[in-house]
N, C-alpha and C. Protein backbone atom coordinates (compact mmCIF):
# COMPACT_ATOMS: atom_id res chain seq x y z
N MET A 1 108.23 -86.09 72.51
CA MET A 1 108.20 -87.32 71.58
C MET A 1 108.97 -88.06 72.47
N GLU A 2 108.57 -89.45 73.06
CA GLU A 2 109.50 -90.31 73.67
C GLU A 2 110.86 -91.01 72.89
N ASN A 3 111.37 -91.60 73.59
CA ASN A 3 112.37 -92.44 72.70
C ASN A 3 111.78 -93.61 72.18
N PHE A 4 111.77 -94.05 71.27
CA PHE A 4 111.72 -95.27 70.77
C PHE A 4 112.09 -96.66 71.31
N GLN A 5 111.07 -97.57 71.64
CA GLN A 5 111.29 -98.59 72.25
C GLN A 5 110.95 -99.86 71.76
N VAL A 6 111.73 -100.93 71.24
CA VAL A 6 111.76 -102.31 70.53
C VAL A 6 110.49 -102.88 71.18
N ARG A 7 109.36 -102.95 70.44
CA ARG A 7 107.93 -103.77 71.13
C ARG A 7 108.05 -104.34 69.65
N PRO A 8 106.95 -105.69 70.06
CA PRO A 8 106.04 -106.17 68.80
C PRO A 8 105.28 -105.23 67.87
N ARG A 9 105.43 -105.64 66.80
CA ARG A 9 104.81 -104.71 65.80
C ARG A 9 103.47 -104.62 66.16
N ASP A 10 103.04 -103.31 66.14
CA ASP A 10 102.02 -102.53 66.35
C ASP A 10 101.24 -101.82 65.53
N SER A 11 100.52 -101.77 64.54
CA SER A 11 100.13 -100.77 63.62
C SER A 11 99.41 -99.59 64.03
N VAL A 12 99.14 -99.84 65.56
CA VAL A 12 97.56 -98.44 65.83
C VAL A 12 99.59 -97.59 66.33
N ARG A 13 100.26 -98.53 67.03
CA ARG A 13 101.23 -97.34 68.01
C ARG A 13 102.12 -96.92 66.31
N GLU A 14 102.50 -97.31 65.24
CA GLU A 14 103.05 -96.92 64.23
C GLU A 14 102.32 -95.91 64.07
N ARG A 15 101.44 -95.89 63.37
CA ARG A 15 100.34 -94.80 62.72
C ARG A 15 100.18 -93.68 63.67
N LYS A 16 100.32 -93.84 64.89
CA LYS A 16 100.29 -92.80 65.72
C LYS A 16 102.04 -92.18 66.00
N LEU A 17 102.66 -93.06 65.84
CA LEU A 17 104.19 -92.18 65.74
C LEU A 17 104.06 -91.73 64.59
N ALA A 18 103.81 -92.09 63.61
CA ALA A 18 103.71 -91.58 62.15
C ALA A 18 103.12 -90.07 61.71
N GLN A 19 102.33 -90.16 62.52
CA GLN A 19 101.07 -88.86 62.76
C GLN A 19 102.06 -87.46 63.57
N GLU A 20 102.59 -87.91 64.57
CA GLU A 20 103.59 -87.14 65.60
C GLU A 20 104.40 -86.66 64.90
N LEU A 21 105.13 -87.63 64.15
CA LEU A 21 106.36 -87.19 63.40
C LEU A 21 105.97 -86.20 62.08
N ARG A 22 104.76 -86.53 61.71
CA ARG A 22 104.40 -85.62 60.31
C ARG A 22 104.01 -84.14 61.32
N ALA A 23 103.78 -83.99 62.22
CA ALA A 23 103.69 -82.40 62.82
C ALA A 23 105.01 -82.04 63.11
N LEU A 24 105.86 -82.50 63.36
CA LEU A 24 107.33 -81.95 63.34
C LEU A 24 108.09 -81.60 62.10
N SER A 25 109.05 -80.70 62.26
CA SER A 25 109.80 -80.66 61.19
C SER A 25 110.21 -81.60 60.55
N GLU A 26 110.73 -81.56 58.92
CA GLU A 26 111.06 -82.68 58.55
C GLU A 26 112.69 -83.20 58.87
N GLU A 27 113.14 -82.26 59.05
CA GLU A 27 114.56 -82.32 59.80
C GLU A 27 114.66 -82.92 61.03
N THR A 28 113.89 -82.73 62.14
CA THR A 28 113.61 -83.40 63.17
C THR A 28 113.28 -84.94 63.46
N SER A 29 112.04 -85.25 62.42
CA SER A 29 111.47 -86.62 61.65
C SER A 29 112.81 -87.41 61.62
N PHE A 30 113.86 -86.63 60.60
CA PHE A 30 114.83 -87.65 59.46
C PHE A 30 115.54 -87.98 61.27
N ARG A 31 115.92 -87.07 62.09
CA ARG A 31 116.73 -87.48 63.25
C ARG A 31 116.05 -88.79 64.00
N TYR A 32 114.75 -88.84 64.11
CA TYR A 32 114.21 -89.23 65.11
C TYR A 32 114.53 -90.73 64.18
N ILE A 33 114.01 -90.77 63.08
CA ILE A 33 113.88 -92.36 62.11
C ILE A 33 114.82 -92.43 61.90
N GLN A 34 116.16 -91.65 61.88
CA GLN A 34 117.51 -92.44 61.93
C GLN A 34 117.96 -93.30 63.07
N ASP A 35 117.43 -92.46 64.21
CA ASP A 35 117.60 -93.53 65.63
C ASP A 35 116.66 -94.75 65.67
N VAL A 36 115.57 -94.82 65.07
CA VAL A 36 114.44 -95.91 65.10
C VAL A 36 115.33 -96.96 64.30
N LEU A 37 115.75 -96.38 62.79
CA LEU A 37 116.62 -97.41 61.83
C LEU A 37 117.67 -98.26 62.34
N GLY A 38 118.19 -97.41 63.67
CA GLY A 38 119.42 -98.54 64.29
C GLY A 38 118.89 -99.56 65.21
N LYS A 39 117.61 -99.39 65.86
CA LYS A 39 116.94 -100.16 66.79
C LYS A 39 115.61 -101.24 66.01
N ASP A 40 115.06 -100.82 65.17
CA ASP A 40 114.12 -101.46 64.48
C ASP A 40 113.86 -101.25 63.01
N TYR A 41 114.47 -101.35 62.22
CA TYR A 41 114.90 -100.87 60.80
C TYR A 41 113.44 -101.32 59.95
N VAL A 42 112.77 -102.54 60.20
CA VAL A 42 111.63 -102.36 60.07
C VAL A 42 110.56 -101.12 59.78
N VAL A 43 110.20 -100.93 61.02
CA VAL A 43 109.37 -99.90 61.65
C VAL A 43 110.02 -98.68 60.95
N GLY A 44 111.50 -98.29 61.31
CA GLY A 44 112.13 -96.78 60.47
C GLY A 44 111.81 -96.75 59.29
N LEU A 45 111.68 -98.06 58.45
CA LEU A 45 111.91 -97.63 56.86
C LEU A 45 110.06 -97.40 56.71
N LYS A 46 109.38 -97.74 57.86
CA LYS A 46 107.69 -97.76 57.35
C LYS A 46 107.27 -95.95 57.31
N LEU A 47 108.24 -95.86 58.44
CA LEU A 47 108.16 -94.38 59.36
C LEU A 47 108.44 -93.53 58.20
N ALA A 48 109.59 -93.95 57.46
CA ALA A 48 110.44 -93.32 56.42
C ALA A 48 109.60 -93.12 55.47
N ASN A 49 108.88 -93.68 54.57
CA ASN A 49 108.02 -93.52 53.73
C ASN A 49 107.03 -92.89 54.04
N ALA A 50 106.26 -92.94 55.27
CA ALA A 50 104.91 -92.15 55.79
C ALA A 50 105.27 -90.67 55.98
N CYS A 51 106.78 -90.40 56.13
CA CYS A 51 106.94 -88.98 56.82
C CYS A 51 107.79 -87.96 55.87
N LEU A 52 108.95 -88.63 55.33
CA LEU A 52 110.04 -88.19 54.69
C LEU A 52 109.68 -87.59 53.21
N ARG A 53 109.96 -86.70 52.68
CA ARG A 53 109.72 -86.33 51.46
C ARG A 53 110.91 -85.63 50.53
N LYS A 54 111.82 -85.58 51.35
CA LYS A 54 112.85 -84.87 50.76
C LYS A 54 113.74 -86.02 50.07
N LYS A 55 114.78 -86.05 48.85
CA LYS A 55 115.65 -87.29 48.59
C LYS A 55 116.49 -87.20 48.95
N GLY A 56 117.18 -86.32 49.68
CA GLY A 56 118.25 -86.14 50.35
C GLY A 56 118.40 -87.04 51.46
N TYR A 57 117.01 -87.16 52.16
CA TYR A 57 117.10 -88.24 53.35
C TYR A 57 116.89 -89.29 52.83
N PHE A 58 116.32 -89.86 51.85
CA PHE A 58 116.36 -91.30 51.30
C PHE A 58 117.74 -91.84 50.86
N GLU A 59 118.61 -91.07 50.42
CA GLU A 59 119.76 -91.12 50.01
C GLU A 59 120.86 -91.34 51.15
N ALA A 60 120.35 -90.95 52.09
CA ALA A 60 120.84 -90.97 53.39
C ALA A 60 120.66 -92.70 54.27
N ILE A 61 119.10 -92.36 54.02
CA ILE A 61 118.79 -93.95 54.61
C ILE A 61 119.32 -94.87 53.45
N LEU A 62 119.39 -94.97 52.18
CA LEU A 62 120.33 -95.92 51.44
C LEU A 62 121.48 -96.07 51.89
N GLY A 63 122.44 -95.16 52.22
CA GLY A 63 123.85 -95.48 52.43
C GLY A 63 123.91 -95.91 54.11
N GLN A 64 122.91 -95.82 54.67
CA GLN A 64 122.29 -96.22 56.10
C GLN A 64 122.17 -97.91 55.89
N GLY A 65 121.66 -98.02 55.00
CA GLY A 65 121.24 -99.43 54.55
C GLY A 65 122.22 -100.49 54.05
N LEU A 66 123.28 -99.74 53.52
CA LEU A 66 124.24 -100.62 52.58
C LEU A 66 125.33 -100.65 53.80
N GLU A 67 125.73 -99.55 54.78
CA GLU A 67 126.36 -99.83 55.78
C GLU A 67 125.82 -101.03 56.82
N MET A 68 124.77 -100.87 56.88
CA MET A 68 124.19 -102.13 58.55
C MET A 68 123.59 -103.24 57.64
N ALA A 69 123.00 -103.38 56.67
CA ALA A 69 122.10 -104.06 56.63
C ALA A 69 122.62 -105.70 56.16
N ARG A 70 122.23 -106.71 56.53
CA ARG A 70 122.62 -108.39 56.12
C ARG A 70 121.90 -108.53 54.82
N VAL A 71 122.66 -109.65 54.53
CA VAL A 71 121.99 -109.73 53.32
C VAL A 71 120.88 -110.25 53.40
N THR A 72 119.97 -110.81 54.09
CA THR A 72 118.69 -110.80 54.36
C THR A 72 117.57 -109.95 54.23
N ASP A 73 118.46 -108.50 54.43
CA ASP A 73 117.41 -107.17 55.14
C ASP A 73 117.66 -106.13 53.79
N ILE A 74 118.99 -106.26 52.98
CA ILE A 74 119.06 -105.23 52.09
C ILE A 74 117.92 -104.99 51.14
N LYS A 75 117.44 -105.81 50.77
CA LYS A 75 115.81 -105.80 49.94
C LYS A 75 114.50 -105.00 50.57
N LEU A 76 114.82 -104.79 51.68
CA LEU A 76 113.68 -103.81 52.77
C LEU A 76 114.16 -102.76 52.17
N TRP A 77 115.44 -102.01 52.36
CA TRP A 77 115.88 -101.02 52.38
C TRP A 77 115.85 -100.59 51.27
N LEU A 78 116.35 -101.53 49.70
CA LEU A 78 116.20 -100.83 48.57
C LEU A 78 114.79 -100.63 48.53
N LYS A 79 113.29 -101.84 48.70
CA LYS A 79 111.99 -101.70 48.38
C LYS A 79 111.77 -100.11 49.21
N CYS A 80 112.48 -99.47 49.83
CA CYS A 80 112.03 -98.26 50.68
C CYS A 80 112.50 -96.93 49.47
N VAL A 81 113.72 -97.09 49.40
CA VAL A 81 114.22 -96.26 48.58
C VAL A 81 113.92 -95.93 46.85
N ILE A 82 113.99 -97.23 46.52
CA ILE A 82 113.94 -96.93 44.80
C ILE A 82 112.10 -96.27 44.78
N PRO A 83 111.33 -96.28 45.34
CA PRO A 83 110.17 -95.84 44.64
C PRO A 83 110.22 -94.03 44.99
N ARG A 84 111.07 -93.74 45.99
CA ARG A 84 111.31 -92.18 46.53
C ARG A 84 112.50 -91.36 45.41
N LEU A 85 113.72 -92.33 44.74
CA LEU A 85 114.61 -91.84 44.32
C LEU A 85 114.69 -92.30 43.13
N GLY A 86 114.06 -93.59 42.43
CA GLY A 86 113.94 -94.11 41.07
C GLY A 86 115.04 -95.29 41.13
N PHE A 87 115.18 -95.98 40.52
CA PHE A 87 115.86 -97.31 40.11
C PHE A 87 117.34 -96.87 39.88
N ARG A 88 117.77 -95.88 38.69
CA ARG A 88 118.88 -95.52 38.22
C ARG A 88 119.46 -94.85 39.11
N ARG A 89 118.75 -94.21 39.36
CA ARG A 89 119.71 -92.96 40.80
C ARG A 89 120.16 -94.05 41.95
N VAL A 90 119.43 -95.07 42.47
CA VAL A 90 119.70 -95.99 43.50
C VAL A 90 121.28 -96.73 42.87
N VAL A 91 121.00 -96.96 41.31
CA VAL A 91 122.06 -97.84 41.15
C VAL A 91 123.33 -96.97 41.07
N SER A 92 123.36 -95.73 40.57
CA SER A 92 124.50 -94.96 40.68
C SER A 92 124.61 -94.58 42.02
N LEU A 93 123.63 -94.41 42.94
CA LEU A 93 124.17 -94.23 44.23
C LEU A 93 125.30 -95.67 44.92
N VAL A 94 124.81 -96.16 44.60
CA VAL A 94 124.96 -98.03 45.12
C VAL A 94 126.71 -97.91 44.72
N SER A 95 126.81 -97.83 43.26
CA SER A 95 127.96 -97.65 42.44
C SER A 95 129.03 -96.96 42.97
N LYS A 96 128.64 -95.63 43.42
CA LYS A 96 129.61 -94.96 44.30
C LYS A 96 130.34 -95.30 45.56
N ARG A 97 130.02 -96.50 45.97
CA ARG A 97 130.20 -97.21 46.88
C ARG A 97 131.08 -98.32 46.77
N LEU A 98 131.60 -98.27 45.40
CA LEU A 98 132.30 -99.68 44.64
C LEU A 98 133.50 -99.53 45.49
N GLU A 99 134.53 -98.89 45.70
CA GLU A 99 135.77 -98.95 45.82
C GLU A 99 135.96 -99.20 47.68
N THR A 100 135.00 -98.58 48.49
CA THR A 100 134.69 -98.04 49.78
C THR A 100 134.18 -99.20 50.50
N ASN A 101 132.88 -99.66 49.78
CA ASN A 101 132.23 -101.31 50.27
C ASN A 101 131.61 -102.02 49.75
N THR A 102 132.58 -102.62 49.13
CA THR A 102 132.50 -103.80 47.69
C THR A 102 131.35 -104.39 48.28
N GLU A 103 131.45 -104.95 49.43
CA GLU A 103 130.32 -106.24 50.11
C GLU A 103 129.11 -105.91 49.84
N ALA A 104 128.99 -104.61 50.40
CA ALA A 104 127.46 -103.72 50.11
C ALA A 104 126.93 -103.88 48.93
N VAL A 105 127.73 -103.62 48.11
CA VAL A 105 127.66 -103.49 46.56
C VAL A 105 127.27 -104.83 46.13
N ASN A 106 127.66 -105.77 46.46
CA ASN A 106 127.72 -107.14 45.86
C ASN A 106 125.95 -107.37 46.45
N LYS A 107 125.96 -107.29 48.09
CA LYS A 107 124.46 -107.49 48.43
C LYS A 107 123.48 -106.84 47.24
N ALA A 108 123.71 -105.57 47.23
CA ALA A 108 122.71 -104.46 46.77
C ALA A 108 122.20 -105.09 45.51
N LEU A 109 123.73 -105.04 44.46
CA LEU A 109 123.37 -106.01 43.20
C LEU A 109 122.80 -107.45 42.93
N TYR A 110 122.66 -107.82 44.11
CA TYR A 110 122.09 -109.28 43.93
C TYR A 110 120.40 -109.11 44.11
N GLU A 111 120.14 -107.88 44.70
CA GLU A 111 118.94 -107.64 45.31
C GLU A 111 118.08 -106.81 43.72
N LEU A 112 118.70 -105.89 43.29
CA LEU A 112 118.63 -105.14 42.71
C LEU A 112 118.25 -105.84 41.25
N CYS A 113 118.72 -106.97 40.81
CA CYS A 113 118.75 -107.85 39.55
C CYS A 113 116.97 -108.34 40.02
N ARG A 114 116.96 -108.40 41.18
CA ARG A 114 114.97 -109.11 41.43
C ARG A 114 114.21 -107.77 41.39
N LEU A 115 114.67 -106.62 41.63
CA LEU A 115 113.91 -105.25 41.65
C LEU A 115 113.72 -104.48 40.43
N LEU A 116 114.59 -105.10 39.26
CA LEU A 116 114.54 -104.29 38.20
C LEU A 116 113.02 -104.19 37.75
N PRO A 117 112.93 -102.83 37.27
CA PRO A 117 111.30 -102.49 36.67
C PRO A 117 110.90 -103.25 35.39
N LYS A 118 110.25 -103.84 34.96
CA LYS A 118 109.57 -104.49 33.78
C LYS A 118 109.76 -102.92 32.39
N ASP A 119 110.11 -103.87 31.77
CA ASP A 119 110.22 -102.47 30.06
C ASP A 119 111.42 -101.30 30.57
N ASP A 120 112.14 -101.49 31.27
CA ASP A 120 112.76 -100.15 31.58
C ASP A 120 114.20 -100.75 31.09
N GLN A 121 114.55 -100.31 29.41
CA GLN A 121 115.62 -100.43 29.16
C GLN A 121 116.83 -99.52 29.97
N ARG A 122 116.84 -98.52 30.08
CA ARG A 122 117.83 -97.78 30.64
C ARG A 122 118.22 -98.43 32.30
N ALA A 123 117.36 -98.92 32.90
CA ALA A 123 117.37 -99.34 33.98
C ALA A 123 118.15 -100.90 33.98
N VAL A 124 118.13 -101.37 33.03
CA VAL A 124 118.52 -102.83 32.84
C VAL A 124 120.20 -102.29 32.52
N GLN A 125 120.34 -101.31 31.63
CA GLN A 125 121.94 -100.81 31.22
C GLN A 125 122.43 -100.44 32.30
N ALA A 126 121.71 -99.72 32.97
CA ALA A 126 122.61 -99.17 34.47
C ALA A 126 123.22 -100.06 35.41
N LEU A 127 122.49 -101.80 35.30
CA LEU A 127 122.81 -102.47 36.02
C LEU A 127 123.52 -103.22 35.58
N ILE A 128 123.33 -103.39 34.12
CA ILE A 128 124.35 -104.20 32.96
C ILE A 128 125.89 -103.29 33.61
N THR A 129 126.39 -101.99 33.14
CA THR A 129 127.02 -101.28 33.38
C THR A 129 127.82 -101.21 34.96
N LEU A 130 127.08 -101.31 35.82
CA LEU A 130 127.52 -102.05 37.16
C LEU A 130 128.38 -103.12 37.47
N SER A 131 127.39 -104.32 36.90
CA SER A 131 127.94 -105.42 37.20
C SER A 131 129.08 -105.53 36.16
N ARG A 132 129.39 -105.11 34.97
CA ARG A 132 130.58 -105.11 33.95
C ARG A 132 131.49 -104.15 34.88
N LEU A 133 131.16 -103.05 35.26
CA LEU A 133 132.58 -102.47 36.11
C LEU A 133 132.90 -103.28 37.25
N MET A 134 132.38 -104.04 38.04
CA MET A 134 132.65 -104.59 38.75
C MET A 134 133.28 -105.97 38.56
N GLU A 135 133.29 -106.66 37.53
CA GLU A 135 133.66 -107.62 36.82
C GLU A 135 135.14 -107.30 36.60
N SER A 136 135.30 -106.17 35.57
CA SER A 136 136.43 -105.74 35.39
C SER A 136 137.70 -105.53 36.51
N LYS A 137 136.85 -105.14 37.57
CA LYS A 137 137.72 -104.86 38.87
C LYS A 137 138.24 -106.15 39.61
N GLY A 138 137.84 -107.07 39.44
CA GLY A 138 137.65 -108.16 40.06
C GLY A 138 137.23 -108.60 41.26
N LEU A 139 135.82 -107.47 41.29
CA LEU A 139 134.94 -107.34 42.63
C LEU A 139 133.81 -107.91 42.67
N LEU A 140 133.27 -108.53 41.79
CA LEU A 140 132.14 -109.36 41.71
C LEU A 140 132.30 -110.64 42.45
N ARG A 141 131.36 -110.38 43.02
CA ARG A 141 131.24 -112.13 43.86
C ARG A 141 130.73 -113.59 42.67
N LYS A 142 131.48 -114.16 42.80
CA LYS A 142 131.05 -115.49 41.93
C LYS A 142 130.62 -116.44 42.60
N PRO A 143 129.16 -116.98 42.22
CA PRO A 143 128.53 -117.89 42.81
C PRO A 143 129.54 -119.06 43.79
N ALA A 144 129.41 -119.89 44.33
CA ALA A 144 130.08 -120.98 45.16
C ALA A 144 129.54 -122.38 44.73
N MET A 145 128.28 -122.03 44.42
CA MET A 145 127.59 -123.48 44.17
C MET A 145 126.69 -123.06 43.08
N VAL A 146 126.45 -124.01 42.61
CA VAL A 146 125.68 -124.07 41.31
C VAL A 146 124.35 -125.23 41.35
N PRO A 147 123.13 -125.14 41.07
CA PRO A 147 122.23 -126.33 40.93
C PRO A 147 121.96 -126.93 40.02
N ARG A 148 122.03 -127.92 40.08
CA ARG A 148 121.92 -129.27 39.25
C ARG A 148 120.76 -129.83 39.66
N ARG A 149 120.16 -130.99 38.78
CA ARG A 149 119.02 -131.55 38.87
C ARG A 149 119.67 -133.22 39.04
N THR A 150 118.97 -133.67 39.78
CA THR A 150 119.12 -134.91 39.99
C THR A 150 118.53 -135.95 39.17
N LEU A 151 118.97 -137.20 38.98
CA LEU A 151 117.79 -138.28 38.04
C LEU A 151 116.60 -138.24 38.34
N LEU A 152 116.62 -137.87 39.56
CA LEU A 152 114.88 -138.20 40.51
C LEU A 152 114.24 -136.45 40.13
N GLY A 153 115.07 -135.74 40.00
CA GLY A 153 114.37 -134.64 39.24
C GLY A 153 114.15 -133.50 40.67
N ARG A 154 114.88 -134.06 41.61
CA ARG A 154 115.54 -133.00 42.84
C ARG A 154 116.66 -132.26 42.34
N VAL A 155 116.88 -131.03 43.41
CA VAL A 155 117.74 -129.96 43.19
C VAL A 155 118.69 -130.51 43.73
N LYS A 156 119.87 -130.62 43.76
CA LYS A 156 121.38 -130.44 44.55
C LYS A 156 121.98 -129.65 44.03
N PHE A 157 122.67 -128.70 45.17
CA PHE A 157 123.96 -127.81 44.84
C PHE A 157 124.94 -128.35 45.11
N GLU A 158 125.79 -128.28 43.72
CA GLU A 158 127.19 -128.49 43.92
C GLU A 158 128.67 -127.85 43.96
N ARG A 159 129.47 -127.85 44.64
CA ARG A 159 130.44 -126.47 44.46
C ARG A 159 131.39 -126.49 43.28
N ILE A 160 131.24 -125.24 43.01
CA ILE A 160 132.00 -124.86 41.69
C ILE A 160 133.49 -125.01 41.77
N GLU A 161 134.24 -125.46 41.06
CA GLU A 161 135.85 -125.62 41.26
C GLU A 161 136.49 -124.76 40.53
């Protein structure tokens, strides 16, 4: 297996790489995918979904995503792991990082609200519990601005004092 090099996305190349990874042991595939995640997380997440099966690997991928993902990227990491781990398990794993990486938990909480499964009251309750825990510890980031409608119907953001 060659070293992964960042190139423009190519579905044929990615499919071939996934086939090669499936032929290897899952542990070897996981190590290779971790390397890819550090270089091109979009391709790495796609390969993880195509090649990995063990939940422990997806827990590690979530941890890696919480550590390195930007606010704009965390949604892709969560979308990769939620189908494999389940929404409530992801919330539980995120909440375990509350003391060590508050910023990552804030980023994840924002996107988890958007990815909440429909008609799953236990998932809603898990998210509420996490946000209340963060609020009780004073760790929940409050919005800096709030949207307001102007007389012309446009949206204007005003600073919260």
